[in-house]
């Protein structure tokens, strides 16, 4: 708990990075009080920041490296370690595997359940990077060869 209280808030990081003003943050916080939801998503929806700004701030907040997945060549052997259903459920994609370490890129680096599930199904230690949810989803559909209906053309055996 103590570590969490020392961690900077996403709004503070966005202001420090010059991506957001204090005034816009206050407007978004008011909207959050009224509607609920995650401040990053509210800031994006209100057009105050880009998705990439929020992801970079999340990476800084949680000490997770940012990996712009659209610029990364995904290792097909890594993809076979995690079923498409889990990748879609948790918005994550395995991108590399070296020995017993599986590198995954995920939208929410705080999702411990996703990390645990990935470790369990892959029988690997998990190394986490963070990226934009929209880019991860595109990569999931591309790498798992999913049709728009969601059916995989590349089912994992088992």
Protein backbone atom coordinates (compact mmCIF):
# COMPACT_ATOMS: atom_id res chain seq x y z
CA UNK A 1 0.00 0.00 0.00
CA UNK A 2 2.81 2.40 0.86
CA UNK A 3 4.31 2.01 -2.63
CA UNK A 4 0.95 2.86 -4.19
CA UNK A 5 0.57 6.04 -2.14
CA UNK A 6 4.04 7.24 -3.24
CA UNK A 7 3.28 6.59 -6.90
CA UNK A 8 2.43 9.67 -8.94
CA UNK A 9 -1.06 9.90 -10.32
CA UNK A 10 -1.56 9.63 -14.06
CA UNK A 11 -2.80 13.22 -14.33
CA UNK A 12 0.34 14.55 -12.63
CA UNK A 13 2.55 12.60 -15.02
CA UNK A 14 0.63 13.86 -18.05
CA UNK A 15 1.03 17.45 -16.83
CA UNK A 16 4.77 16.92 -16.23
CA UNK A 17 5.12 15.52 -19.76
CA UNK A 18 3.37 18.58 -21.16
CA UNK A 19 0.51 16.51 -22.59
CA UNK A 20 -2.18 18.00 -20.31
CA UNK A 21 -3.01 21.23 -18.49
CA UNK A 22 -4.17 21.45 -14.89
CA UNK A 23 -7.44 23.02 -16.08
CA UNK A 24 -8.24 20.12 -18.41
CA UNK A 25 -7.32 17.60 -15.70
CA UNK A 26 -9.78 19.27 -13.32
CA UNK A 27 -12.55 19.08 -15.95
CA UNK A 28 -11.80 15.38 -16.46
CA UNK A 29 -11.78 14.72 -12.71
CA UNK A 30 -15.19 16.38 -12.42
CA UNK A 31 -16.47 14.14 -15.23
CA UNK A 32 -14.98 11.12 -13.42
CA UNK A 33 -16.87 12.03 -10.23
CA UNK A 34 -20.14 12.29 -12.17
CA UNK A 35 -19.75 9.29 -14.47
CA UNK A 36 -17.12 7.03 -12.93
CA UNK A 37 -14.47 5.30 -14.99
CA UNK A 38 -10.72 5.48 -15.45
CA UNK A 39 -9.22 8.95 -15.69
CA UNK A 40 -7.04 8.01 -18.66
CA UNK A 41 -10.04 6.82 -20.66
CA UNK A 42 -11.98 9.96 -19.72
CA UNK A 43 -9.10 12.21 -20.81
CA UNK A 44 -8.95 10.43 -24.18
CA UNK A 45 -12.72 10.52 -24.66
CA UNK A 46 -12.79 14.26 -23.89
CA UNK A 47 -10.05 14.78 -26.49
CA UNK A 48 -7.59 16.23 -23.95
CA UNK A 49 -4.84 13.66 -24.60
CA UNK A 50 -4.02 10.90 -27.09
CA UNK A 51 -4.11 7.23 -26.17
CA UNK A 52 -0.33 7.10 -26.60
CA UNK A 53 0.11 9.91 -24.02
CA UNK A 54 -1.83 7.89 -21.44
CA UNK A 55 0.10 4.69 -22.19
CA UNK A 56 3.47 6.46 -21.86
CA UNK A 57 2.29 7.93 -18.55
CA UNK A 58 1.14 4.48 -17.36
CA UNK A 59 4.53 3.07 -18.28
CA UNK A 60 6.21 5.78 -16.20
CA UNK A 61 3.75 5.34 -13.33
CA UNK A 62 4.29 1.59 -13.02
CA UNK A 63 7.91 1.36 -14.11
CA UNK A 64 6.93 -0.76 -17.10
CA UNK A 65 8.70 -0.14 -20.40
CA UNK A 66 6.58 1.15 -23.28
CA UNK A 67 6.71 -0.84 -26.51
CA UNK A 68 5.01 0.63 -29.56
CA UNK A 69 3.85 -2.74 -30.83
CA UNK A 70 3.12 -1.51 -34.34
CA UNK A 71 6.92 -1.18 -34.76
CA UNK A 72 7.74 -4.61 -33.34
CA UNK A 73 8.10 -7.93 -35.16
CA UNK A 74 6.20 -10.49 -33.10
CA UNK A 75 7.82 -13.90 -32.62
CA UNK A 76 5.32 -16.53 -33.87
CA UNK A 77 6.63 -19.06 -31.33
CA UNK A 78 5.72 -16.66 -28.53
CA UNK A 79 2.18 -16.27 -29.86
CA UNK A 80 1.65 -20.04 -29.59
CA UNK A 81 2.27 -19.85 -25.81
CA UNK A 82 -0.97 -17.99 -25.04
CA UNK A 83 -4.39 -18.92 -26.47
CA UNK A 84 -6.19 -16.21 -28.44
CA UNK A 85 -9.09 -16.24 -25.96
CA UNK A 86 -6.77 -15.17 -23.13
CA UNK A 87 -5.07 -12.57 -25.29
CA UNK A 88 -8.44 -11.04 -26.17
CA UNK A 89 -9.83 -11.30 -22.65
CA UNK A 90 -6.89 -9.44 -21.10
CA UNK A 91 -5.84 -7.26 -24.08
CA UNK A 92 -2.34 -8.68 -24.18
CA UNK A 93 -0.12 -10.32 -26.73
CA UNK A 94 3.01 -12.40 -26.33
CA UNK A 95 5.75 -10.93 -28.52
CA UNK A 96 8.91 -12.86 -27.69
CA UNK A 97 10.16 -15.90 -25.83
CA UNK A 98 13.73 -16.51 -24.71
CA UNK A 99 14.28 -19.74 -22.79
CA UNK A 100 11.64 -19.68 -20.01
CA UNK A 101 10.82 -15.94 -20.21
CA UNK A 102 7.78 -14.88 -22.19
CA UNK A 103 7.55 -11.19 -23.04
CA UNK A 104 4.00 -9.89 -23.22
CA UNK A 105 2.67 -6.48 -24.17
CA UNK A 106 -0.48 -5.44 -22.36
CA UNK A 107 -2.69 -2.39 -22.05
CA UNK A 108 -3.09 -2.60 -18.27
CA UNK A 109 0.14 -3.31 -16.39
CA UNK A 110 -1.79 -3.45 -13.10
CA UNK A 111 -3.77 -6.53 -14.17
CA UNK A 112 -2.17 -9.16 -11.94
CA UNK A 113 -4.77 -11.78 -12.89
CA UNK A 114 -3.76 -11.46 -16.56
CA UNK A 115 -0.07 -11.88 -15.70
CA UNK A 116 -0.80 -14.91 -13.51
CA UNK A 117 -2.97 -16.52 -16.18
CA UNK A 118 -0.32 -15.89 -18.85
CA UNK A 119 2.35 -17.44 -16.62
CA UNK A 120 0.17 -20.46 -15.87
CA UNK A 121 -0.85 -21.29 -19.45
CA UNK A 122 2.61 -20.65 -20.88
CA UNK A 123 4.57 -22.21 -18.01
CA UNK A 124 6.97 -19.26 -18.30
CA UNK A 125 8.15 -16.31 -16.30
CA UNK A 126 6.41 -13.20 -17.62
CA UNK A 127 8.13 -9.97 -18.61
CA UNK A 128 5.68 -7.10 -19.15
CA UNK A 129 5.72 -4.17 -21.54
CA UNK A 130 2.87 -1.73 -22.01
CA UNK A 131 1.33 -0.43 -25.23
CA UNK A 132 -1.86 1.07 -26.58
CA UNK A 133 -4.96 -1.13 -26.37
CA UNK A 134 -5.93 -0.32 -29.95
CA UNK A 135 -2.52 -1.43 -31.24
CA UNK A 136 -2.55 -4.58 -29.10
CA UNK A 137 -5.99 -5.51 -30.42
CA UNK A 138 -4.83 -5.04 -34.02
CA UNK A 139 -1.80 -7.23 -33.30
CA UNK A 140 -3.98 -9.93 -31.68
CA UNK A 141 -6.23 -10.12 -34.74
CA UNK A 142 -3.22 -10.13 -37.08
CA UNK A 143 -1.02 -12.62 -35.20
CA UNK A 144 -3.77 -15.07 -34.24
CA UNK A 145 -5.34 -14.71 -37.70
CA UNK A 146 -8.74 -13.93 -36.23
CA UNK A 147 -11.68 -13.07 -38.39
CA UNK A 148 -13.87 -10.09 -37.44
CA UNK A 149 -16.34 -12.59 -35.91
CA UNK A 150 -13.59 -13.67 -33.49
CA UNK A 151 -13.06 -17.26 -34.68
CA UNK A 152 -9.42 -18.24 -34.76
CA UNK A 153 -8.01 -19.83 -37.87
CA UNK A 154 -4.95 -20.84 -35.86
CA UNK A 155 -6.25 -22.75 -32.84
CA UNK A 156 -3.80 -23.82 -30.13
CA UNK A 157 -3.65 -27.55 -29.66
CA UNK A 158 -4.69 -28.89 -26.30
